């Protein structure tokens, strides 16, 4: 995924999606591992916690483009012109 700044036309590749994919893939595995090892045993909320962890990871994988756009939108600016007005492109 690339971002293109509207003011100057500068184009940069984003690496944030790589980290979102890693986190998104590890959360369902972590939820399953927590369930299998009884990490939350005795709390009475073990199953809902593990389901929430796994569902959060799946949601991150499904909405990774929106998450990357939100992360970049929060303060990422162009090195050349200083503009924060950009659009995502392939």
C-alpha atoms as a PDB file:
ATOM      1  CA  UNK A   1       0.000   0.000   0.000  1.00  0.00           C
ATOM      2  CA  UNK A   2       1.255   3.448  -0.904  1.00  0.00           C
ATOM      3  CA  UNK A   3       0.219   6.895   0.211  1.00  0.00           C
ATOM      4  CA  UNK A   4       0.278   9.876  -2.118  1.00  0.00           C
ATOM      5  CA  UNK A   5       0.323  13.415  -0.805  1.00  0.00           C
ATOM      6  CA  UNK A   6      -2.180  15.575  -2.638  1.00  0.00           C
ATOM      7  CA  UNK A   7      -0.243  18.840  -2.353  1.00  0.00           C
ATOM      8  CA  UNK A   8       3.085  17.825  -3.885  1.00  0.00           C
ATOM      9  CA  UNK A   9       2.374  14.381  -5.392  1.00  0.00           C
ATOM     10  CA  UNK A  10       5.101  12.670  -3.342  1.00  0.00           C
ATOM     11  CA  UNK A  11       4.460   8.903  -2.996  1.00  0.00           C
ATOM     12  CA  UNK A  12       5.674   6.676  -0.141  1.00  0.00           C
ATOM     13  CA  UNK A  13       5.288   3.012   0.722  1.00  0.00           C
ATOM     14  CA  UNK A  14       3.747   2.261   4.114  1.00  0.00           C
ATOM     15  CA  UNK A  15       5.119  -0.462   6.361  1.00  0.00           C
ATOM     16  CA  UNK A  16       2.478  -0.154   9.047  1.00  0.00           C
ATOM     17  CA  UNK A  17       0.289  -2.808   7.403  1.00  0.00           C
ATOM     18  CA  UNK A  18       3.006  -5.391   8.021  1.00  0.00           C
ATOM     19  CA  UNK A  19       2.788  -4.805  11.758  1.00  0.00           C
ATOM     20  CA  UNK A  20      -1.020  -4.812  11.681  1.00  0.00           C
ATOM     21  CA  UNK A  21      -0.916  -8.193   9.936  1.00  0.00           C
ATOM     22  CA  UNK A  22       1.483  -9.588  12.527  1.00  0.00           C
ATOM     23  CA  UNK A  23      -0.607  -8.343  15.451  1.00  0.00           C
ATOM     24  CA  UNK A  24      -3.844  -9.420  13.778  1.00  0.00           C
ATOM     25  CA  UNK A  25      -2.522 -12.925  13.178  1.00  0.00           C
ATOM     26  CA  UNK A  26      -1.075 -13.324  16.659  1.00  0.00           C
ATOM     27  CA  UNK A  27      -4.204 -12.300  18.577  1.00  0.00           C
ATOM     28  CA  UNK A  28      -6.406 -15.243  17.477  1.00  0.00           C
ATOM     29  CA  UNK A  29      -3.518 -17.608  18.144  1.00  0.00           C
ATOM     30  CA  UNK A  30      -2.981 -15.958  21.540  1.00  0.00           C
ATOM     31  CA  UNK A  31      -6.663 -16.276  22.413  1.00  0.00           C
ATOM     32  CA  UNK A  32      -6.610 -19.955  21.515  1.00  0.00           C
ATOM     33  CA  UNK A  33      -3.402 -20.483  23.510  1.00  0.00           C
ATOM     34  CA  UNK A  34      -4.911 -18.686  26.527  1.00  0.00           C
ATOM     35  CA  UNK A  35      -7.969 -20.929  26.324  1.00  0.00           C
ATOM     36  CA  UNK A  36      -5.979 -24.158  25.974  1.00  0.00           C
ATOM     37  CA  UNK A  37      -3.541 -23.362  28.808  1.00  0.00           C
ATOM     38  CA  UNK A  38      -6.292 -22.161  31.162  1.00  0.00           C
ATOM     39  CA  UNK A  39      -4.555 -18.789  31.504  1.00  0.00           C
ATOM     40  CA  UNK A  40      -7.713 -17.121  32.825  1.00  0.00           C
ATOM     41  CA  UNK A  41      -8.993 -20.107  34.804  1.00  0.00           C
ATOM     42  CA  UNK A  42     -10.805 -19.247  37.988  1.00  0.00           C
ATOM     43  CA  UNK A  43     -11.823 -15.759  36.906  1.00  0.00           C
ATOM     44  CA  UNK A  44     -15.241 -16.793  35.647  1.00  0.00           C
ATOM     45  CA  UNK A  45     -14.594 -14.770  32.509  1.00  0.00           C
ATOM     46  CA  UNK A  46     -12.124 -17.079  30.764  1.00  0.00           C
ATOM     47  CA  UNK A  47     -14.227 -17.877  27.721  1.00  0.00           C
ATOM     48  CA  UNK A  48     -15.415 -14.290  27.024  1.00  0.00           C
ATOM     49  CA  UNK A  49     -11.853 -12.959  27.387  1.00  0.00           C
ATOM     50  CA  UNK A  50     -10.417 -15.550  24.989  1.00  0.00           C
ATOM     51  CA  UNK A  51     -13.227 -14.947  22.487  1.00  0.00           C
ATOM     52  CA  UNK A  52     -12.602 -11.197  22.668  1.00  0.00           C
ATOM     53  CA  UNK A  53      -8.869 -11.680  22.042  1.00  0.00           C
ATOM     54  CA  UNK A  54      -9.482 -13.935  19.039  1.00  0.00           C
ATOM     55  CA  UNK A  55     -12.254 -11.728  17.625  1.00  0.00           C
ATOM     56  CA  UNK A  56     -10.069  -8.633  17.958  1.00  0.00           C
ATOM     57  CA  UNK A  57      -7.324 -10.295  15.944  1.00  0.00           C
ATOM     58  CA  UNK A  58      -9.724 -11.356  13.217  1.00  0.00           C
ATOM     59  CA  UNK A  59     -11.193  -7.840  13.102  1.00  0.00           C
ATOM     60  CA  UNK A  60      -7.694  -6.372  12.736  1.00  0.00           C
ATOM     61  CA  UNK A  61      -7.049  -8.627   9.753  1.00  0.00           C
ATOM     62  CA  UNK A  62     -10.377  -7.730   8.150  1.00  0.00           C
ATOM     63  CA  UNK A  63     -10.000  -3.969   8.642  1.00  0.00           C
ATOM     64  CA  UNK A  64      -6.231  -3.636   8.217  1.00  0.00           C
ATOM     65  CA  UNK A  65      -6.493  -1.001   5.465  1.00  0.00           C
ATOM     66  CA  UNK A  66      -8.717   1.219   7.610  1.00  0.00           C
ATOM     67  CA  UNK A  67      -6.400   0.774  10.598  1.00  0.00           C
ATOM     68  CA  UNK A  68      -3.352   1.731   8.517  1.00  0.00           C
ATOM     69  CA  UNK A  69      -5.198   4.792   7.194  1.00  0.00           C
ATOM     70  CA  UNK A  70      -6.161   5.805  10.729  1.00  0.00           C
ATOM     71  CA  UNK A  71      -2.595   5.395  12.024  1.00  0.00           C
ATOM     72  CA  UNK A  72      -1.102   7.436   9.205  1.00  0.00           C
ATOM     73  CA  UNK A  73      -3.826  10.082   9.485  1.00  0.00           C
ATOM     74  CA  UNK A  74      -2.855  10.784  13.075  1.00  0.00           C
ATOM     75  CA  UNK A  75       0.125  13.003  12.428  1.00  0.00           C
ATOM     76  CA  UNK A  76       1.968  11.551   9.430  1.00  0.00           C
ATOM     77  CA  UNK A  77       3.204  14.357   7.224  1.00  0.00           C
ATOM     78  CA  UNK A  78       5.117  14.670   3.972  1.00  0.00           C
ATOM     79  CA  UNK A  79       8.892  15.023   4.206  1.00  0.00           C
ATOM     80  CA  UNK A  80       8.965  17.438   1.259  1.00  0.00           C
ATOM     81  CA  UNK A  81       6.059  19.842   1.797  1.00  0.00           C
ATOM     82  CA  UNK A  82       4.872  19.113   5.366  1.00  0.00           C
ATOM     83  CA  UNK A  83       1.295  18.466   4.228  1.00  0.00           C
ATOM     84  CA  UNK A  84      -0.918  15.965   6.049  1.00  0.00           C
ATOM     85  CA  UNK A  85      -3.441  15.760   3.208  1.00  0.00           C
ATOM     86  CA  UNK A  86      -2.897  12.395   1.521  1.00  0.00           C
ATOM     87  CA  UNK A  87      -4.759   9.507  -0.058  1.00  0.00           C
ATOM     88  CA  UNK A  88      -4.124   5.771  -0.010  1.00  0.00           C
ATOM     89  CA  UNK A  89      -3.353   4.077  -3.307  1.00  0.00           C
ATOM     90  CA  UNK A  90      -2.054   0.740  -4.532  1.00  0.00           C
END
